[in-house]
Amino acid sequence: MADSFVTYLSDNNRQAMIDLLNSRLADTVDLTLAVKQAHWNIKGPSFIGIHELLDEVADRLRESADTMAERCVVLGGQAKGTTQTVASETSLSAYPEEAQNQVIHVDALTERFKQLGRSLADAIQDAAEAGDEETADLFTEVSRTIDKDAWFIGAHNDHGTDAP
């Protein structure tokens, strides 16, 4: 392990956090690529609204990935975000790359955002248990953004109800 700028964690806990950060980094990069796949190919009555939203979402995902990658390095590790690593390490379901229909894209993205949200909730707890409140806080921040973007995207297929 390279030099760490964090002195309050044991080597084992630092390595565990680096591994955890890299796992969520792989998922986040994968989700970013899925969002761009939908952005490029989506068709439907809400095309322009969703198309523009997905660009904003991709920007937020890239920012989250950057934050996780930098935390890996601060902890003395190596950020692993190549396409080869992401393809082999992501825990997200494969994206339906032939999809064009707005409903299919929105449902596929919403499900993947929920998958990442569940993984982030577990990561928050794991980081807290390891005594790394800073990494737990980072995951909490990313989790809030993921949950909000799941809502922004998923609401396009939410038909709601008018029942009291």
C-alpha atoms as a PDB file:
ATOM      1  CA  MET A   1       0.000   0.000   0.000  1.00  0.00           C
ATOM      2  CA  ALA A   2       1.283   3.478  -0.860  1.00  0.00           C
ATOM      3  CA  ASP A   3       1.617   6.304   1.640  1.00  0.00           C
ATOM      4  CA  SER A   4      -1.581   7.028   3.474  1.00  0.00           C
ATOM      5  CA  PHE A   5      -2.594  10.466   4.589  1.00  0.00           C
ATOM      6  CA  VAL A   6      -4.908   8.930   7.186  1.00  0.00           C
ATOM      7  CA  THR A   7      -3.232   7.901  10.419  1.00  0.00           C
ATOM      8  CA  TYR A   8      -6.224   6.945  12.556  1.00  0.00           C
ATOM      9  CA  LEU A   9      -7.079   3.658  10.789  1.00  0.00           C
ATOM     10  CA  SER A  10      -5.251   0.371  11.059  1.00  0.00           C
ATOM     11  CA  ASP A  11      -3.696  -1.003   7.876  1.00  0.00           C
ATOM     12  CA  ASN A  12      -6.395  -3.688   7.729  1.00  0.00           C
ATOM     13  CA  ASN A  13      -9.211  -1.162   8.037  1.00  0.00           C
ATOM     14  CA  ARG A  14      -7.623   1.143   5.470  1.00  0.00           C
ATOM     15  CA  GLN A  15      -7.337  -1.741   3.004  1.00  0.00           C
ATOM     16  CA  ALA A  16     -10.928  -2.757   3.684  1.00  0.00           C
ATOM     17  CA  MET A  17     -12.062   0.816   2.957  1.00  0.00           C
ATOM     18  CA  ILE A  18      -9.991   0.976  -0.233  1.00  0.00           C
ATOM     19  CA  ASP A  19     -11.587  -2.274  -1.411  1.00  0.00           C
ATOM     20  CA  LEU A  20     -15.053  -1.012  -0.499  1.00  0.00           C
ATOM     21  CA  LEU A  21     -14.483   2.317  -2.252  1.00  0.00           C
ATOM     22  CA  ASN A  22     -13.231   0.536  -5.373  1.00  0.00           C
ATOM     23  CA  SER A  23     -16.296  -1.718  -5.377  1.00  0.00           C
ATOM     24  CA  ARG A  24     -18.661   1.236  -5.298  1.00  0.00           C
ATOM     25  CA  LEU A  25     -16.440   3.073  -7.803  1.00  0.00           C
ATOM     26  CA  ALA A  26     -16.900   0.208 -10.280  1.00  0.00           C
ATOM     27  CA  ASP A  27     -20.676   0.355  -9.798  1.00  0.00           C
ATOM     28  CA  THR A  28     -20.738   4.130 -10.195  1.00  0.00           C
ATOM     29  CA  VAL A  29     -18.686   4.110 -13.388  1.00  0.00           C
ATOM     30  CA  ASP A  30     -20.895   1.306 -14.735  1.00  0.00           C
ATOM     31  CA  LEU A  31     -24.018   3.300 -13.905  1.00  0.00           C
ATOM     32  CA  THR A  32     -22.551   6.401 -15.537  1.00  0.00           C
ATOM     33  CA  LEU A  33     -22.057   4.451 -18.760  1.00  0.00           C
ATOM     34  CA  ALA A  34     -25.607   3.071 -18.557  1.00  0.00           C
ATOM     35  CA  VAL A  35     -26.952   6.609 -18.134  1.00  0.00           C
ATOM     36  CA  LYS A  36     -25.030   7.742 -21.216  1.00  0.00           C
ATOM     37  CA  GLN A  37     -26.290   4.685 -23.155  1.00  0.00           C
ATOM     38  CA  ALA A  38     -29.851   5.737 -22.351  1.00  0.00           C
ATOM     39  CA  HIS A  39     -29.080   9.409 -23.071  1.00  0.00           C
ATOM     40  CA  TRP A  40     -27.883   8.556 -26.572  1.00  0.00           C
ATOM     41  CA  ASN A  41     -30.647   6.084 -27.472  1.00  0.00           C
ATOM     42  CA  ILE A  42     -33.833   7.008 -25.631  1.00  0.00           C
ATOM     43  CA  LYS A  43     -36.979   7.648 -27.655  1.00  0.00           C
ATOM     44  CA  GLY A  44     -40.426   8.609 -26.450  1.00  0.00           C
ATOM     45  CA  PRO A  45     -42.800  11.454 -25.677  1.00  0.00           C
ATOM     46  CA  SER A  46     -40.555  12.894 -22.926  1.00  0.00           C
ATOM     47  CA  PHE A  47     -37.390  12.555 -24.993  1.00  0.00           C
ATOM     48  CA  ILE A  48     -35.894  16.019 -24.586  1.00  0.00           C
ATOM     49  CA  GLY A  49     -36.613  16.277 -20.859  1.00  0.00           C
ATOM     50  CA  ILE A  50     -35.117  12.883 -20.074  1.00  0.00           C
ATOM     51  CA  HIS A  51     -32.247  13.360 -22.539  1.00  0.00           C
ATOM     52  CA  GLU A  52     -31.192  16.599 -20.806  1.00  0.00           C
ATOM     53  CA  LEU A  53     -31.764  15.168 -17.318  1.00  0.00           C
ATOM     54  CA  LEU A  54     -29.506  12.210 -18.073  1.00  0.00           C
ATOM     55  CA  ASP A  55     -26.613  14.507 -18.988  1.00  0.00           C
ATOM     56  CA  GLU A  56     -26.943  16.215 -15.607  1.00  0.00           C
ATOM     57  CA  VAL A  57     -27.183  12.851 -13.845  1.00  0.00           C
ATOM     58  CA  ALA A  58     -24.050  11.588 -15.631  1.00  0.00           C
ATOM     59  CA  ASP A  59     -22.181  14.689 -14.432  1.00  0.00           C
ATOM     60  CA  ARG A  60     -23.214  14.001 -10.830  1.00  0.00           C
ATOM     61  CA  LEU A  61     -22.190  10.352 -11.139  1.00  0.00           C
ATOM     62  CA  ARG A  62     -18.771  11.345 -12.488  1.00  0.00           C
ATOM     63  CA  GLU A  63     -18.336  13.715  -9.541  1.00  0.00           C
ATOM     64  CA  SER A  64     -19.252  10.940  -7.102  1.00  0.00           C
ATOM     65  CA  ALA A  65     -16.850   8.534  -8.802  1.00  0.00           C
ATOM     66  CA  ASP A  66     -14.087  11.128  -8.620  1.00  0.00           C
ATOM     67  CA  THR A  67     -14.687  11.638  -4.897  1.00  0.00           C
ATOM     68  CA  MET A  68     -14.533   7.884  -4.217  1.00  0.00           C
ATOM     69  CA  ALA A  69     -11.396   7.460  -6.342  1.00  0.00           C
ATOM     70  CA  GLU A  70      -9.621  10.300  -4.560  1.00  0.00           C
ATOM     71  CA  ARG A  71     -10.527   8.838  -1.154  1.00  0.00           C
ATOM     72  CA  CYS A  72      -8.886   5.552  -2.240  1.00  0.00           C
ATOM     73  CA  VAL A  73      -5.657   7.416  -2.915  1.00  0.00           C
ATOM     74  CA  VAL A  74      -5.875   9.451   0.307  1.00  0.00           C
ATOM     75  CA  LEU A  75      -6.110   6.137   2.172  1.00  0.00           C
ATOM     76  CA  GLY A  76      -2.941   4.924   0.443  1.00  0.00           C
ATOM     77  CA  GLY A  77      -4.586   2.778  -2.206  1.00  0.00           C
ATOM     78  CA  GLN A  78      -5.012   2.781  -5.933  1.00  0.00           C
ATOM     79  CA  ALA A  79      -8.275   3.863  -7.554  1.00  0.00           C
ATOM     80  CA  LYS A  80      -9.354   1.200 -10.035  1.00  0.00           C
ATOM     81  CA  GLY A  81     -11.675   2.641 -12.659  1.00  0.00           C
ATOM     82  CA  THR A  82     -10.588   1.229 -15.999  1.00  0.00           C
ATOM     83  CA  THR A  83     -13.265  -0.217 -18.249  1.00  0.00           C
ATOM     84  CA  GLN A  84     -11.730  -3.660 -17.783  1.00  0.00           C
ATOM     85  CA  THR A  85     -11.915  -3.426 -13.997  1.00  0.00           C
ATOM     86  CA  VAL A  86     -15.401  -1.934 -14.051  1.00  0.00           C
ATOM     87  CA  ALA A  87     -16.655  -4.679 -16.395  1.00  0.00           C
ATOM     88  CA  SER A  88     -15.299  -7.428 -14.143  1.00  0.00           C
ATOM     89  CA  GLU A  89     -16.080  -5.864 -10.756  1.00  0.00           C
ATOM     90  CA  THR A  90     -19.471  -4.153 -11.087  1.00  0.00           C
ATOM     91  CA  SER A  91     -22.285  -5.605  -9.026  1.00  0.00           C
ATOM     92  CA  LEU A  92     -24.971  -3.982 -11.186  1.00  0.00           C
ATOM     93  CA  SER A  93     -27.078  -5.926 -13.655  1.00  0.00           C
ATOM     94  CA  ALA A  94     -26.064  -5.676 -17.301  1.00  0.00           C
ATOM     95  CA  TYR A  95     -27.784  -2.792 -19.060  1.00  0.00           C
ATOM     96  CA  PRO A  96     -30.148  -3.598 -21.968  1.00  0.00           C
ATOM     97  CA  GLU A  97     -28.056  -1.875 -24.626  1.00  0.00           C
ATOM     98  CA  GLU A  98     -30.541  -2.499 -27.455  1.00  0.00           C
ATOM     99  CA  ALA A  99     -33.307  -0.573 -25.644  1.00  0.00           C
ATOM    100  CA  GLN A 100     -34.762   2.548 -27.234  1.00  0.00           C
ATOM    101  CA  ASN A 101     -38.172   2.895 -25.613  1.00  0.00           C
ATOM    102  CA  GLN A 102     -38.377   5.537 -22.904  1.00  0.00           C
ATOM    103  CA  VAL A 103     -40.280   3.257 -20.505  1.00  0.00           C
ATOM    104  CA  ILE A 104     -37.661   0.499 -20.783  1.00  0.00           C
ATOM    105  CA  HIS A 105     -34.761   2.920 -20.256  1.00  0.00           C
ATOM    106  CA  VAL A 106     -36.403   4.639 -17.308  1.00  0.00           C
ATOM    107  CA  ASP A 107     -37.229   1.327 -15.621  1.00  0.00           C
ATOM    108  CA  ALA A 108     -33.746  -0.107 -16.308  1.00  0.00           C
ATOM    109  CA  LEU A 109     -31.993   2.983 -14.953  1.00  0.00           C
ATOM    110  CA  THR A 110     -34.264   3.253 -11.917  1.00  0.00           C
ATOM    111  CA  GLU A 111     -33.583  -0.366 -10.973  1.00  0.00           C
ATOM    112  CA  ARG A 112     -29.811   0.151 -11.257  1.00  0.00           C
ATOM    113  CA  PHE A 113     -29.958   3.327  -9.178  1.00  0.00           C
ATOM    114  CA  LYS A 114     -31.844   1.360  -6.513  1.00  0.00           C
ATOM    115  CA  GLN A 115     -29.222  -1.418  -6.669  1.00  0.00           C
ATOM    116  CA  LEU A 116     -26.431   1.096  -6.129  1.00  0.00           C
ATOM    117  CA  GLY A 117     -28.439   2.792  -3.368  1.00  0.00           C
ATOM    118  CA  ARG A 118     -28.698  -0.524  -1.489  1.00  0.00           C
ATOM    119  CA  SER A 119     -24.961  -1.140  -1.895  1.00  0.00           C
ATOM    120  CA  LEU A 120     -24.182   2.358  -0.649  1.00  0.00           C
ATOM    121  CA  ALA A 121     -26.362   1.853   2.428  1.00  0.00           C
ATOM    122  CA  ASP A 122     -24.327  -1.257   3.252  1.00  0.00           C
ATOM    123  CA  ALA A 123     -21.074   0.641   2.572  1.00  0.00           C
ATOM    124  CA  ILE A 124     -22.096   3.409   4.985  1.00  0.00           C
ATOM    125  CA  GLN A 125     -22.569   0.841   7.736  1.00  0.00           C
ATOM    126  CA  ASP A 126     -19.334  -1.016   6.894  1.00  0.00           C
ATOM    127  CA  ALA A 127     -17.287   2.190   6.933  1.00  0.00           C
ATOM    128  CA  ALA A 128     -18.799   3.295  10.235  1.00  0.00           C
ATOM    129  CA  GLU A 129     -18.088  -0.099  11.788  1.00  0.00           C
ATOM    130  CA  ALA A 130     -14.464   0.147  10.591  1.00  0.00           C
ATOM    131  CA  GLY A 131     -14.131   3.502  12.382  1.00  0.00           C
ATOM    132  CA  ASP A 132     -13.832   5.484   9.149  1.00  0.00           C
ATOM    133  CA  GLU A 133     -16.471   8.144   9.627  1.00  0.00           C
ATOM    134  CA  GLU A 134     -15.071  10.205   6.739  1.00  0.00           C
ATOM    135  CA  THR A 135     -15.628   7.384   4.248  1.00  0.00           C
ATOM    136  CA  ALA A 136     -19.050   6.701   5.786  1.00  0.00           C
ATOM    137  CA  ASP A 137     -19.868  10.388   5.297  1.00  0.00           C
ATOM    138  CA  LEU A 138     -18.654  10.243   1.690  1.00  0.00           C
ATOM    139  CA  PHE A 139     -20.909   7.258   1.013  1.00  0.00           C
ATOM    140  CA  THR A 140     -23.808   9.075   2.717  1.00  0.00           C
ATOM    141  CA  GLU A 141     -23.336  12.078   0.431  1.00  0.00           C
ATOM    142  CA  VAL A 142     -23.204   9.876  -2.667  1.00  0.00           C
ATOM    143  CA  SER A 143     -26.231   7.908  -1.438  1.00  0.00           C
ATOM    144  CA  ARG A 144     -28.329  11.069  -1.149  1.00  0.00           C
ATOM    145  CA  THR A 145     -27.488  11.995  -4.739  1.00  0.00           C
ATOM    146  CA  ILE A 146     -28.207   8.467  -6.008  1.00  0.00           C
ATOM    147  CA  ASP A 147     -31.584   8.357  -4.243  1.00  0.00           C
ATOM    148  CA  LYS A 148     -32.561  11.763  -5.587  1.00  0.00           C
ATOM    149  CA  ASP A 149     -31.539  10.879  -9.141  1.00  0.00           C
ATOM    150  CA  ALA A 150     -33.453   7.584  -8.887  1.00  0.00           C
ATOM    151  CA  TRP A 151     -36.506   9.671  -8.063  1.00  0.00           C
ATOM    152  CA  PHE A 152     -35.856  12.192 -10.867  1.00  0.00           C
ATOM    153  CA  ILE A 153     -35.542   9.393 -13.410  1.00  0.00           C
ATOM    154  CA  GLY A 154     -38.125   6.985 -12.017  1.00  0.00           C
ATOM    155  CA  ALA A 155     -40.831   9.643 -11.776  1.00  0.00           C
ATOM    156  CA  HIS A 156     -41.034   9.624 -15.568  1.00  0.00           C
ATOM    157  CA  ASN A 157     -42.728   6.205 -15.404  1.00  0.00           C
ATOM    158  CA  ASP A 158     -44.601   6.739 -12.149  1.00  0.00           C
ATOM    159  CA  HIS A 159     -48.278   6.913 -12.995  1.00  0.00           C
ATOM    160  CA  GLY A 160     -49.227   7.729  -9.417  1.00  0.00           C
ATOM    161  CA  THR A 161     -52.732   7.542  -8.131  1.00  0.00           C
ATOM    162  CA  ASP A 162     -55.513  10.005  -7.600  1.00  0.00           C
ATOM    163  CA  ALA A 163     -57.024   7.967  -4.773  1.00  0.00           C
ATOM    164  CA  PRO A 164     -57.160   9.728  -1.398  1.00  0.00           C
END
